[in-house]
Structure formats: structure tokens, C-alpha cells
N, C-alpha and C. Protein backbone atom coordinates (compact mmCIF):
# COMPACT_ATOMS: atom_id res chain seq x y z
N MET A 1 17.52 -22.56 -2.70
CA MET A 1 16.52 -21.67 -2.17
C MET A 1 15.29 -22.42 -1.66
N GLU A 2 14.92 -23.45 -2.38
CA GLU A 2 13.74 -24.22 -2.00
C GLU A 2 13.89 -24.84 -0.61
N PRO A 3 15.05 -25.39 -0.25
CA PRO A 3 15.19 -25.93 1.11
C PRO A 3 14.98 -24.87 2.20
N ILE A 4 15.44 -23.66 1.93
CA ILE A 4 15.25 -22.58 2.91
C ILE A 4 13.77 -22.29 3.07
N LEU A 5 13.04 -22.22 1.97
CA LEU A 5 11.59 -21.96 2.04
C LEU A 5 10.87 -23.09 2.76
N LYS A 6 11.31 -24.33 2.56
CA LYS A 6 10.69 -25.46 3.25
C LYS A 6 10.89 -25.35 4.76
N VAL A 7 12.08 -24.93 5.17
CA VAL A 7 12.34 -24.76 6.60
C VAL A 7 11.48 -23.63 7.15
N ILE A 8 11.39 -22.54 6.42
CA ILE A 8 10.55 -21.41 6.86
C ILE A 8 9.10 -21.85 7.00
N ASP A 9 8.62 -22.63 6.03
CA ASP A 9 7.24 -23.09 6.09
C ASP A 9 7.02 -24.10 7.22
N ALA A 10 8.02 -24.92 7.47
CA ALA A 10 7.89 -25.93 8.52
C ALA A 10 7.97 -25.33 9.91
N TRP A 11 8.69 -24.23 10.04
CA TRP A 11 8.87 -23.60 11.35
C TRP A 11 8.55 -22.11 11.21
N PRO A 12 7.27 -21.78 11.12
CA PRO A 12 6.89 -20.38 10.89
C PRO A 12 7.20 -19.50 12.11
N ASN A 13 8.26 -18.76 11.99
CA ASN A 13 8.71 -17.88 13.05
C ASN A 13 9.09 -16.55 12.42
N ALA A 14 8.40 -15.49 12.80
CA ALA A 14 8.59 -14.18 12.16
C ALA A 14 10.03 -13.68 12.29
N LYS A 15 10.63 -13.81 13.46
CA LYS A 15 11.98 -13.28 13.68
C LYS A 15 13.01 -14.02 12.84
N THR A 16 12.94 -15.33 12.80
CA THR A 16 13.87 -16.12 12.00
C THR A 16 13.70 -15.81 10.52
N THR A 17 12.45 -15.73 10.08
CA THR A 17 12.16 -15.42 8.68
C THR A 17 12.71 -14.04 8.33
N GLU A 18 12.56 -13.09 9.24
CA GLU A 18 13.09 -11.74 9.03
C GLU A 18 14.61 -11.77 8.86
N LEU A 19 15.29 -12.50 9.71
CA LEU A 19 16.76 -12.58 9.63
C LEU A 19 17.22 -13.21 8.32
N ILE A 20 16.53 -14.24 7.88
CA ILE A 20 16.86 -14.87 6.60
C ILE A 20 16.61 -13.88 5.47
N GLY A 21 15.49 -13.18 5.52
CA GLY A 21 15.17 -12.20 4.49
C GLY A 21 16.20 -11.08 4.41
N ILE A 22 16.65 -10.59 5.54
CA ILE A 22 17.66 -9.54 5.56
C ILE A 22 18.95 -10.04 4.90
N GLN A 23 19.32 -11.25 5.22
CA GLN A 23 20.53 -11.83 4.62
C GLN A 23 20.37 -11.94 3.10
N GLU A 24 19.20 -12.36 2.65
CA GLU A 24 18.99 -12.58 1.22
C GLU A 24 18.83 -11.28 0.44
N ILE A 25 18.22 -10.27 1.05
CA ILE A 25 17.98 -9.00 0.33
C ILE A 25 19.30 -8.29 0.06
N ASN A 26 20.32 -8.60 0.84
CA ASN A 26 21.62 -7.97 0.65
C ASN A 26 22.44 -8.59 -0.47
N LYS A 27 21.96 -9.69 -1.03
CA LYS A 27 22.65 -10.32 -2.15
C LYS A 27 22.13 -9.70 -3.46
N PRO A 28 23.04 -9.39 -4.37
CA PRO A 28 22.59 -8.76 -5.63
C PRO A 28 21.68 -9.68 -6.44
N ASN A 29 20.72 -9.07 -7.08
CA ASN A 29 19.79 -9.77 -7.99
C ASN A 29 19.07 -10.93 -7.32
N ASN A 30 18.68 -10.75 -6.08
CA ASN A 30 18.04 -11.82 -5.35
C ASN A 30 16.61 -11.46 -4.94
N CYS A 31 16.01 -10.55 -5.64
CA CYS A 31 14.69 -10.06 -5.22
C CYS A 31 13.58 -11.10 -5.34
N GLU A 32 13.65 -11.96 -6.30
CA GLU A 32 12.59 -12.97 -6.43
C GLU A 32 12.52 -13.81 -5.16
N PHE A 33 13.66 -14.27 -4.69
CA PHE A 33 13.71 -15.08 -3.48
C PHE A 33 13.37 -14.23 -2.25
N ALA A 34 13.90 -13.03 -2.18
CA ALA A 34 13.61 -12.14 -1.05
C ALA A 34 12.12 -11.82 -0.98
N ASN A 35 11.46 -11.68 -2.12
CA ASN A 35 10.01 -11.45 -2.12
C ASN A 35 9.25 -12.66 -1.59
N GLN A 36 9.72 -13.85 -1.91
CA GLN A 36 9.07 -15.05 -1.37
C GLN A 36 9.20 -15.09 0.15
N ILE A 37 10.36 -14.69 0.63
CA ILE A 37 10.58 -14.66 2.07
C ILE A 37 9.72 -13.58 2.71
N SER A 38 9.69 -12.39 2.11
CA SER A 38 8.89 -11.30 2.69
C SER A 38 7.40 -11.63 2.65
N ASP A 39 6.95 -12.35 1.63
CA ASP A 39 5.54 -12.78 1.59
C ASP A 39 5.23 -13.67 2.79
N ARG A 40 6.13 -14.58 3.09
CA ARG A 40 5.92 -15.46 4.24
C ARG A 40 5.98 -14.68 5.54
N LEU A 41 6.93 -13.76 5.63
CA LEU A 41 7.04 -12.94 6.83
C LEU A 41 5.77 -12.14 7.07
N LEU A 42 5.23 -11.54 6.02
CA LEU A 42 4.01 -10.75 6.17
C LEU A 42 2.80 -11.64 6.43
N LYS A 43 2.86 -12.88 6.01
CA LYS A 43 1.79 -13.84 6.32
C LYS A 43 1.77 -14.11 7.83
N TYR A 44 2.96 -14.21 8.44
CA TYR A 44 3.05 -14.45 9.88
C TYR A 44 2.76 -13.19 10.68
N ASP A 45 3.16 -12.04 10.15
CA ASP A 45 3.02 -10.78 10.87
C ASP A 45 2.85 -9.66 9.85
N ASP A 46 1.60 -9.31 9.55
CA ASP A 46 1.35 -8.29 8.52
C ASP A 46 1.76 -6.88 8.97
N ARG A 47 2.23 -6.77 10.20
CA ARG A 47 2.73 -5.49 10.70
C ARG A 47 4.27 -5.47 10.74
N SER A 48 4.89 -6.38 10.03
CA SER A 48 6.35 -6.46 10.01
C SER A 48 6.92 -5.35 9.13
N ALA A 49 7.51 -4.37 9.77
CA ALA A 49 8.11 -3.27 9.02
C ALA A 49 9.22 -3.78 8.11
N GLN A 50 9.98 -4.77 8.60
CA GLN A 50 11.08 -5.32 7.79
C GLN A 50 10.54 -6.03 6.55
N GLY A 51 9.44 -6.74 6.69
CA GLY A 51 8.83 -7.40 5.53
C GLY A 51 8.44 -6.40 4.46
N TRP A 52 7.82 -5.31 4.87
CA TRP A 52 7.43 -4.26 3.93
C TRP A 52 8.65 -3.58 3.32
N TYR A 53 9.69 -3.39 4.13
CA TYR A 53 10.91 -2.75 3.64
C TYR A 53 11.59 -3.60 2.56
N MET A 54 11.65 -4.92 2.78
CA MET A 54 12.22 -5.80 1.76
C MET A 54 11.45 -5.70 0.46
N LYS A 55 10.13 -5.64 0.56
CA LYS A 55 9.31 -5.49 -0.64
C LYS A 55 9.60 -4.16 -1.33
N ALA A 56 9.77 -3.09 -0.55
CA ALA A 56 10.06 -1.77 -1.12
C ALA A 56 11.37 -1.79 -1.89
N ILE A 57 12.39 -2.43 -1.33
CA ILE A 57 13.68 -2.51 -2.00
C ILE A 57 13.54 -3.21 -3.35
N CYS A 58 12.83 -4.32 -3.36
CA CYS A 58 12.66 -5.07 -4.60
C CYS A 58 11.77 -4.34 -5.60
N ASP A 59 10.72 -3.71 -5.11
CA ASP A 59 9.86 -2.95 -6.02
C ASP A 59 10.63 -1.80 -6.65
N ASN A 60 11.45 -1.14 -5.87
CA ASN A 60 12.26 -0.05 -6.39
C ASN A 60 13.25 -0.58 -7.44
N SER A 61 13.88 -1.71 -7.15
CA SER A 61 14.83 -2.30 -8.10
C SER A 61 14.16 -2.67 -9.42
N ALA A 62 12.90 -3.08 -9.34
CA ALA A 62 12.16 -3.48 -10.54
C ALA A 62 11.53 -2.29 -11.26
N GLY A 63 11.67 -1.10 -10.69
CA GLY A 63 11.09 0.09 -11.31
C GLY A 63 9.63 0.32 -10.98
N ASN A 64 9.11 -0.42 -10.01
CA ASN A 64 7.72 -0.25 -9.56
C ASN A 64 7.70 0.79 -8.44
N PHE A 65 7.91 2.05 -8.83
CA PHE A 65 8.13 3.09 -7.84
C PHE A 65 6.90 3.40 -6.99
N ALA A 66 5.71 3.37 -7.58
CA ALA A 66 4.49 3.63 -6.80
C ALA A 66 4.30 2.55 -5.73
N LYS A 67 4.54 1.30 -6.11
CA LYS A 67 4.42 0.20 -5.15
C LYS A 67 5.50 0.30 -4.09
N ALA A 68 6.71 0.70 -4.48
CA ALA A 68 7.80 0.85 -3.52
C ALA A 68 7.46 1.92 -2.48
N ILE A 69 6.86 3.00 -2.91
CA ILE A 69 6.46 4.06 -1.98
C ILE A 69 5.38 3.56 -1.03
N GLU A 70 4.44 2.81 -1.56
CA GLU A 70 3.38 2.23 -0.71
C GLU A 70 3.99 1.30 0.35
N ASP A 71 4.94 0.47 -0.08
CA ASP A 71 5.57 -0.48 0.84
C ASP A 71 6.42 0.24 1.89
N ILE A 72 7.17 1.25 1.49
CA ILE A 72 8.01 1.97 2.46
C ILE A 72 7.12 2.74 3.44
N ASN A 73 6.00 3.23 2.97
CA ASN A 73 5.05 3.89 3.89
C ASN A 73 4.54 2.91 4.95
N ASN A 74 4.32 1.67 4.56
CA ASN A 74 3.92 0.64 5.53
C ASN A 74 5.05 0.39 6.53
N SER A 75 6.28 0.36 6.05
CA SER A 75 7.42 0.17 6.96
C SER A 75 7.44 1.27 8.01
N VAL A 76 7.32 2.50 7.56
CA VAL A 76 7.36 3.65 8.48
C VAL A 76 6.15 3.62 9.42
N LYS A 77 5.00 3.21 8.91
CA LYS A 77 3.80 3.14 9.74
C LYS A 77 4.00 2.18 10.91
N PHE A 78 4.66 1.05 10.66
CA PHE A 78 4.81 0.03 11.69
C PHE A 78 6.08 0.18 12.53
N ASP A 79 7.02 1.00 12.07
CA ASP A 79 8.24 1.27 12.84
C ASP A 79 8.68 2.71 12.53
N PRO A 80 7.96 3.69 13.09
CA PRO A 80 8.16 5.08 12.70
C PRO A 80 9.48 5.72 13.14
N ILE A 81 10.24 5.06 13.99
CA ILE A 81 11.50 5.68 14.42
C ILE A 81 12.73 4.98 13.86
N ASN A 82 12.54 4.03 12.95
CA ASN A 82 13.67 3.34 12.35
C ASN A 82 14.30 4.24 11.30
N PRO A 83 15.56 4.64 11.50
CA PRO A 83 16.18 5.58 10.56
C PRO A 83 16.32 5.02 9.13
N SER A 84 16.51 3.71 9.00
CA SER A 84 16.62 3.13 7.65
C SER A 84 15.36 3.33 6.85
N TYR A 85 14.22 3.14 7.49
CA TYR A 85 12.95 3.29 6.80
C TYR A 85 12.69 4.76 6.48
N LEU A 86 13.05 5.64 7.39
CA LEU A 86 12.85 7.07 7.16
C LEU A 86 13.74 7.57 6.01
N VAL A 87 14.98 7.11 5.96
CA VAL A 87 15.88 7.49 4.88
C VAL A 87 15.36 6.90 3.56
N GLY A 88 14.89 5.67 3.61
CA GLY A 88 14.34 5.03 2.42
C GLY A 88 13.15 5.76 1.85
N LYS A 89 12.37 6.32 2.75
CA LYS A 89 11.19 7.05 2.31
C LYS A 89 11.61 8.33 1.61
């Protein structure tokens, strides 16, 4: 995981970081790493709906439901027509 984070840090690109995060969030029990990726993604682009959505998935998995709702609301705010975010909300 650390080599992936080093590459992300060395080449800060929101789209690439988003794609890596999507791949990682789909792996079971991988929220710690996915949160590190989403933190970097939101650092590059704080309006990244995907970054907020990844955080919502992990917050929900951890039982932090109020935070998950806040994060999914940010996803919808920045991409209001994405059906995944609307269903998640």
C-alpha cells in the first residue's frame, strides 16, 4: 500500500487518484487504505464527489452514520445527477 501512496504523492493527479481509490474501495475491509487515498484526492480537489463518496462508504462501514450522511451529502452536492450517490443517500 505504501508504494501506491508514494506514487500518488509523487504524481498528484485527481483522476488517477480517483481511479485507484475506486479500485481499492471495492476490496473488502480496505477502508483504512481507501480513506488515505480519498484524503489525498480531496486535498487535490475538495469538490471531488468520488472522494466524498469513498469516505461515506467507509464511515458507514465503521458505523459512523452521521459522518456518512454528511459525506454522501457532499457527494450529491458536487455531482447531483450521479445515480450512485443519489441511491447511497
